[in-house]
N, C-alpha and C. Protein backbone atom coordinates (compact mmCIF):
# COMPACT_ATOMS: atom_id res chain seq x y z
N MET A 1 94.13 149.74 -25.62
CA MET A 1 94.31 150.80 -24.64
C MET A 1 95.56 151.70 -24.45
N GLN A 2 96.17 151.79 -25.66
CA GLN A 2 97.35 152.37 -25.64
C GLN A 2 97.31 153.95 -25.12
N GLY A 3 97.96 154.32 -24.21
CA GLY A 3 97.90 155.73 -23.72
C GLY A 3 96.75 156.14 -22.90
N PHE A 4 95.78 155.12 -22.53
CA PHE A 4 94.78 155.32 -21.74
C PHE A 4 95.02 154.73 -20.51
N ARG A 5 94.57 155.44 -19.24
CA ARG A 5 95.13 154.90 -17.91
C ARG A 5 94.10 153.89 -17.54
N SER A 6 92.68 154.20 -17.88
CA SER A 6 91.78 153.22 -17.61
C SER A 6 90.66 152.82 -18.59
N PRO A 7 90.13 151.94 -18.57
CA PRO A 7 88.87 151.62 -19.64
C PRO A 7 87.85 152.65 -19.51
N GLY A 8 87.75 153.19 -18.38
CA GLY A 8 86.72 154.64 -18.35
C GLY A 8 87.05 155.70 -19.10
N SER A 9 88.31 156.10 -19.18
CA SER A 9 88.88 157.12 -19.71
C SER A 9 88.90 156.87 -21.45
N LEU A 10 89.16 155.59 -21.71
CA LEU A 10 89.09 155.10 -23.06
C LEU A 10 87.73 155.40 -23.48
N GLN A 11 86.88 154.85 -22.74
CA GLN A 11 85.13 154.89 -23.13
C GLN A 11 84.72 156.29 -23.26
N ARG A 12 85.20 157.32 -22.41
CA ARG A 12 85.00 158.69 -22.66
C ARG A 12 85.52 159.29 -23.80
N PHE A 13 86.71 158.89 -24.06
CA PHE A 13 87.42 159.45 -25.37
C PHE A 13 86.62 158.95 -26.59
N VAL A 14 86.37 157.63 -26.61
CA VAL A 14 85.67 157.02 -27.77
C VAL A 14 84.04 157.54 -27.88
N SER A 15 83.52 157.76 -26.97
CA SER A 15 82.17 158.18 -27.20
C SER A 15 82.08 159.62 -27.55
N ILE A 16 83.04 160.45 -27.26
CA ILE A 16 82.95 161.86 -27.79
C ILE A 16 83.76 161.83 -29.33
N PHE A 17 84.85 161.05 -29.38
CA PHE A 17 85.38 161.02 -30.80
C PHE A 17 84.30 160.54 -31.78
N SER A 18 83.48 159.61 -31.49
CA SER A 18 82.65 159.04 -32.33
C SER A 18 81.54 159.90 -33.00
N ALA A 19 81.08 160.77 -31.87
CA ALA A 19 79.92 161.66 -32.19
C ALA A 19 80.81 162.72 -33.20
N VAL A 20 81.78 163.37 -32.65
CA VAL A 20 82.55 164.22 -33.50
C VAL A 20 82.85 163.77 -35.00
N ARG A 21 83.32 162.58 -35.03
CA ARG A 21 83.79 161.88 -36.48
C ARG A 21 82.55 161.71 -37.26
N ASN A 22 81.33 161.35 -36.68
CA ASN A 22 80.22 161.44 -37.38
C ASN A 22 79.64 162.58 -37.90
N LEU A 23 79.97 163.58 -37.28
CA LEU A 23 79.40 165.09 -37.74
C LEU A 23 80.21 165.30 -38.99
N PHE A 24 81.72 165.12 -38.97
CA PHE A 24 82.61 165.61 -40.06
C PHE A 24 82.73 164.83 -41.28
N VAL A 25 82.64 163.51 -40.98
CA VAL A 25 82.84 162.75 -42.20
C VAL A 25 81.50 162.21 -42.84
N ALA A 26 81.72 162.52 -44.23
CA ALA A 26 80.48 162.48 -45.16
C ALA A 26 80.14 161.12 -45.40
N PRO A 27 78.75 160.88 -45.42
CA PRO A 27 78.35 159.66 -45.29
C PRO A 27 78.66 158.85 -46.81
N HIS A 28 78.93 157.64 -46.95
CA HIS A 28 79.47 156.89 -48.12
C HIS A 28 78.60 157.05 -49.40
N SER A 29 77.54 157.23 -49.22
CA SER A 29 76.23 157.45 -50.43
C SER A 29 76.62 158.83 -51.16
N GLU A 30 77.40 159.69 -50.38
CA GLU A 30 77.64 161.03 -50.82
C GLU A 30 79.06 161.04 -51.37
N ARG A 31 79.24 160.81 -52.64
CA ARG A 31 80.86 160.75 -53.00
C ARG A 31 81.31 161.91 -53.88
N SER A 32 80.23 162.44 -54.44
CA SER A 32 80.80 163.60 -55.29
C SER A 32 81.60 164.58 -54.44
N ALA A 33 82.58 165.14 -55.02
CA ALA A 33 83.48 166.39 -54.37
C ALA A 33 82.62 167.38 -53.79
N PHE A 34 81.42 167.70 -54.85
CA PHE A 34 80.51 169.03 -54.36
C PHE A 34 79.64 168.47 -53.17
N ALA A 35 79.31 167.39 -53.14
CA ALA A 35 78.39 166.81 -51.95
C ALA A 35 79.17 166.68 -50.68
N VAL A 36 80.62 166.41 -50.85
CA VAL A 36 81.30 166.41 -49.66
C VAL A 36 81.62 167.59 -49.41
N HIS A 37 81.87 168.45 -50.16
CA HIS A 37 82.28 169.97 -49.81
C HIS A 37 80.90 170.84 -48.93
N LEU A 38 79.88 170.48 -49.33
CA LEU A 38 78.65 170.96 -48.75
C LEU A 38 78.45 170.33 -47.37
N HIS A 39 78.67 168.98 -47.36
CA HIS A 39 78.48 168.38 -46.01
C HIS A 39 79.54 168.83 -44.91
N ARG A 40 80.78 169.19 -45.48
CA ARG A 40 81.67 169.77 -44.67
C ARG A 40 81.32 171.13 -44.21
N LEU A 41 81.00 172.04 -45.01
CA LEU A 41 80.51 173.33 -44.71
C LEU A 41 79.32 173.45 -43.62
N GLN A 42 78.40 172.40 -43.92
CA GLN A 42 77.32 172.28 -42.80
C GLN A 42 77.80 171.96 -41.39
N ALA A 43 78.70 170.72 -41.57
CA ALA A 43 79.45 170.37 -40.32
C ALA A 43 79.95 171.37 -39.75
N MET A 44 80.90 172.21 -40.33
CA MET A 44 81.60 173.38 -39.55
C MET A 44 80.72 174.43 -39.03
N ALA A 45 79.53 174.73 -39.87
CA ALA A 45 78.70 175.55 -39.06
C ALA A 45 77.86 174.98 -37.98
N GLU A 46 77.55 173.85 -37.90
CA GLU A 46 76.96 173.15 -36.86
C GLU A 46 77.82 173.29 -35.57
N TRP A 47 79.23 172.80 -35.97
CA TRP A 47 80.44 172.80 -34.89
C TRP A 47 80.48 174.14 -34.38
N LYS A 48 80.44 175.22 -35.11
CA LYS A 48 80.72 176.67 -34.59
C LYS A 48 79.50 176.91 -33.72
N ALA A 49 78.25 176.52 -34.08
CA ALA A 49 77.00 176.72 -33.38
C ALA A 49 77.25 176.07 -31.99
N VAL A 50 77.51 175.03 -32.08
CA VAL A 50 77.62 174.10 -30.72
C VAL A 50 78.75 174.65 -29.89
N THR A 51 79.88 175.02 -30.37
CA THR A 51 81.02 175.32 -29.58
C THR A 51 81.04 176.81 -29.22
N ARG A 52 80.07 177.72 -30.05
CA ARG A 52 79.84 179.08 -29.90
C ARG A 52 81.11 179.96 -30.25
N THR A 53 81.99 179.37 -31.36
CA THR A 53 82.99 180.50 -31.74
C THR A 53 82.57 181.20 -32.77
N LEU A 54 83.36 182.29 -33.17
CA LEU A 54 83.00 183.32 -34.03
C LEU A 54 83.86 183.37 -35.41
N ALA A 55 85.08 182.52 -35.35
CA ALA A 55 85.77 182.32 -36.33
C ALA A 55 85.28 181.53 -37.52
């Protein structure tokens, strides 16, 4: 719990962090560089759609 004031704040961080991490980290079955690259492009497109950024 280093850096967190309460178990509740730690739980909120972990729940959000795990969802974001699952979006950006390629599955272990996709190990080729091209597959990882495609996964990251798709993840960034989804992230931009969710956050509504233009860049």
